């Protein structure tokens, strides 16, 4: 494995914080844009590890949907305007 190191700043990104990985660090870690990673915080520090496996299909995502956790129906009320369904 090629070793790379960089000192980067933490930036505000919406309600979150973000760290941009320099190209040489991402290349050495074999990371690419849109790739999923797992971030783990431990007493030793922060570890970023690539997530193996393929992206979930729509059916798999829907099977994981929990209305109690995700707020339930978005349009649970009656029609509000001149909509005709």
C-alpha atoms as a PDB file:
ATOM      1  CA  UNK A   1       0.000   0.000   0.000  1.00  0.00           C
ATOM      2  CA  UNK A   2       1.242   3.474  -0.851  1.00  0.00           C
ATOM      3  CA  UNK A   3       1.395   5.748   2.169  1.00  0.00           C
ATOM      4  CA  UNK A   4       0.158   9.332   1.961  1.00  0.00           C
ATOM      5  CA  UNK A   5      -0.409  11.997   4.557  1.00  0.00           C
ATOM      6  CA  UNK A   6      -2.022  15.436   4.603  1.00  0.00           C
ATOM      7  CA  UNK A   7      -3.099  18.057   7.122  1.00  0.00           C
ATOM      8  CA  UNK A   8      -6.563  19.336   6.204  1.00  0.00           C
ATOM      9  CA  UNK A   9      -9.121  21.637   7.786  1.00  0.00           C
ATOM     10  CA  UNK A  10     -12.605  20.736   8.942  1.00  0.00           C
ATOM     11  CA  UNK A  11     -15.310  22.826   7.237  1.00  0.00           C
ATOM     12  CA  UNK A  12     -18.974  23.445   8.008  1.00  0.00           C
ATOM     13  CA  UNK A  13     -21.240  21.667   5.500  1.00  0.00           C
ATOM     14  CA  UNK A  14     -24.907  22.394   6.247  1.00  0.00           C
ATOM     15  CA  UNK A  15     -25.563  21.090   9.777  1.00  0.00           C
ATOM     16  CA  UNK A  16     -22.530  18.780   9.505  1.00  0.00           C
ATOM     17  CA  UNK A  17     -18.778  19.011   9.322  1.00  0.00           C
ATOM     18  CA  UNK A  18     -16.773  17.854   6.322  1.00  0.00           C
ATOM     19  CA  UNK A  19     -13.193  16.930   5.516  1.00  0.00           C
ATOM     20  CA  UNK A  20     -11.966  16.936   1.911  1.00  0.00           C
ATOM     21  CA  UNK A  21      -9.450  14.242   1.111  1.00  0.00           C
ATOM     22  CA  UNK A  22      -6.606  15.435  -1.118  1.00  0.00           C
ATOM     23  CA  UNK A  23      -6.249  13.538  -4.388  1.00  0.00           C
ATOM     24  CA  UNK A  24      -2.999  11.831  -3.401  1.00  0.00           C
ATOM     25  CA  UNK A  25      -4.559  10.543  -0.151  1.00  0.00           C
ATOM     26  CA  UNK A  26      -7.701   9.289  -1.922  1.00  0.00           C
ATOM     27  CA  UNK A  27      -5.594   7.587  -4.592  1.00  0.00           C
ATOM     28  CA  UNK A  28      -3.320   5.917  -2.021  1.00  0.00           C
ATOM     29  CA  UNK A  29      -6.410   4.670  -0.132  1.00  0.00           C
ATOM     30  CA  UNK A  30      -8.057   3.577  -3.415  1.00  0.00           C
ATOM     31  CA  UNK A  31     -11.122   5.747  -2.758  1.00  0.00           C
ATOM     32  CA  UNK A  32     -13.274   7.330  -5.455  1.00  0.00           C
ATOM     33  CA  UNK A  33     -16.084   9.867  -5.654  1.00  0.00           C
ATOM     34  CA  UNK A  34     -19.531   8.584  -4.606  1.00  0.00           C
ATOM     35  CA  UNK A  35     -17.974   5.547  -2.905  1.00  0.00           C
ATOM     36  CA  UNK A  36     -19.509   4.543   0.423  1.00  0.00           C
ATOM     37  CA  UNK A  37     -17.219   4.456   3.473  1.00  0.00           C
ATOM     38  CA  UNK A  38     -17.695   3.581   7.134  1.00  0.00           C
ATOM     39  CA  UNK A  39     -16.456   6.137   9.682  1.00  0.00           C
ATOM     40  CA  UNK A  40     -15.618   4.720  13.127  1.00  0.00           C
ATOM     41  CA  UNK A  41     -14.572   6.737  16.165  1.00  0.00           C
ATOM     42  CA  UNK A  42     -12.573   4.881  18.824  1.00  0.00           C
ATOM     43  CA  UNK A  43     -10.082   5.703  21.557  1.00  0.00           C
ATOM     44  CA  UNK A  44      -7.316   5.330  18.948  1.00  0.00           C
ATOM     45  CA  UNK A  45      -8.840   7.971  16.630  1.00  0.00           C
ATOM     46  CA  UNK A  46     -11.024   8.067  13.526  1.00  0.00           C
ATOM     47  CA  UNK A  47     -10.921   5.295  10.918  1.00  0.00           C
ATOM     48  CA  UNK A  48     -12.405   5.543   7.407  1.00  0.00           C
ATOM     49  CA  UNK A  49     -12.926   2.167   5.735  1.00  0.00           C
ATOM     50  CA  UNK A  50     -14.447   1.424   2.305  1.00  0.00           C
ATOM     51  CA  UNK A  51     -17.801  -0.375   2.487  1.00  0.00           C
ATOM     52  CA  UNK A  52     -17.713  -3.576   0.484  1.00  0.00           C
ATOM     53  CA  UNK A  53     -20.651  -4.809  -1.532  1.00  0.00           C
ATOM     54  CA  UNK A  54     -23.053  -3.365  -4.025  1.00  0.00           C
ATOM     55  CA  UNK A  55     -25.536  -0.558  -3.548  1.00  0.00           C
ATOM     56  CA  UNK A  56     -29.002  -1.562  -2.352  1.00  0.00           C
ATOM     57  CA  UNK A  57     -31.760  -1.968  -4.909  1.00  0.00           C
ATOM     58  CA  UNK A  58     -34.985   0.020  -4.573  1.00  0.00           C
ATOM     59  CA  UNK A  59     -36.746  -3.088  -3.259  1.00  0.00           C
ATOM     60  CA  UNK A  60     -34.061  -3.574  -0.592  1.00  0.00           C
ATOM     61  CA  UNK A  61     -34.292   0.067   0.448  1.00  0.00           C
ATOM     62  CA  UNK A  62     -38.087  -0.101   0.671  1.00  0.00           C
ATOM     63  CA  UNK A  63     -37.852  -3.266   2.782  1.00  0.00           C
ATOM     64  CA  UNK A  64     -35.711  -1.318   5.292  1.00  0.00           C
ATOM     65  CA  UNK A  65     -38.160   1.612   5.449  1.00  0.00           C
ATOM     66  CA  UNK A  66     -39.649   2.099   8.927  1.00  0.00           C
ATOM     67  CA  UNK A  67     -42.568   4.604   8.923  1.00  0.00           C
ATOM     68  CA  UNK A  68     -42.241   5.129  12.693  1.00  0.00           C
ATOM     69  CA  UNK A  69     -38.599   6.117  12.318  1.00  0.00           C
ATOM     70  CA  UNK A  70     -38.899   8.079   9.086  1.00  0.00           C
ATOM     71  CA  UNK A  71     -42.066  10.024   9.869  1.00  0.00           C
ATOM     72  CA  UNK A  72     -44.705   7.949   8.087  1.00  0.00           C
ATOM     73  CA  UNK A  73     -46.876   9.161   5.238  1.00  0.00           C
ATOM     74  CA  UNK A  74     -45.851  12.493   3.735  1.00  0.00           C
ATOM     75  CA  UNK A  75     -49.367  13.411   2.499  1.00  0.00           C
ATOM     76  CA  UNK A  76     -51.591  11.820   5.118  1.00  0.00           C
ATOM     77  CA  UNK A  77     -54.163  14.645   5.001  1.00  0.00           C
ATOM     78  CA  UNK A  78     -57.019  15.259   2.601  1.00  0.00           C
ATOM     79  CA  UNK A  79     -56.416  17.138  -0.656  1.00  0.00           C
ATOM     80  CA  UNK A  80     -55.810  20.834   0.043  1.00  0.00           C
ATOM     81  CA  UNK A  81     -56.681  22.563  -3.220  1.00  0.00           C
ATOM     82  CA  UNK A  82     -58.540  21.859  -6.402  1.00  0.00           C
ATOM     83  CA  UNK A  83     -56.762  18.543  -6.913  1.00  0.00           C
ATOM     84  CA  UNK A  84     -58.892  15.794  -8.380  1.00  0.00           C
ATOM     85  CA  UNK A  85     -57.541  12.285  -7.860  1.00  0.00           C
END
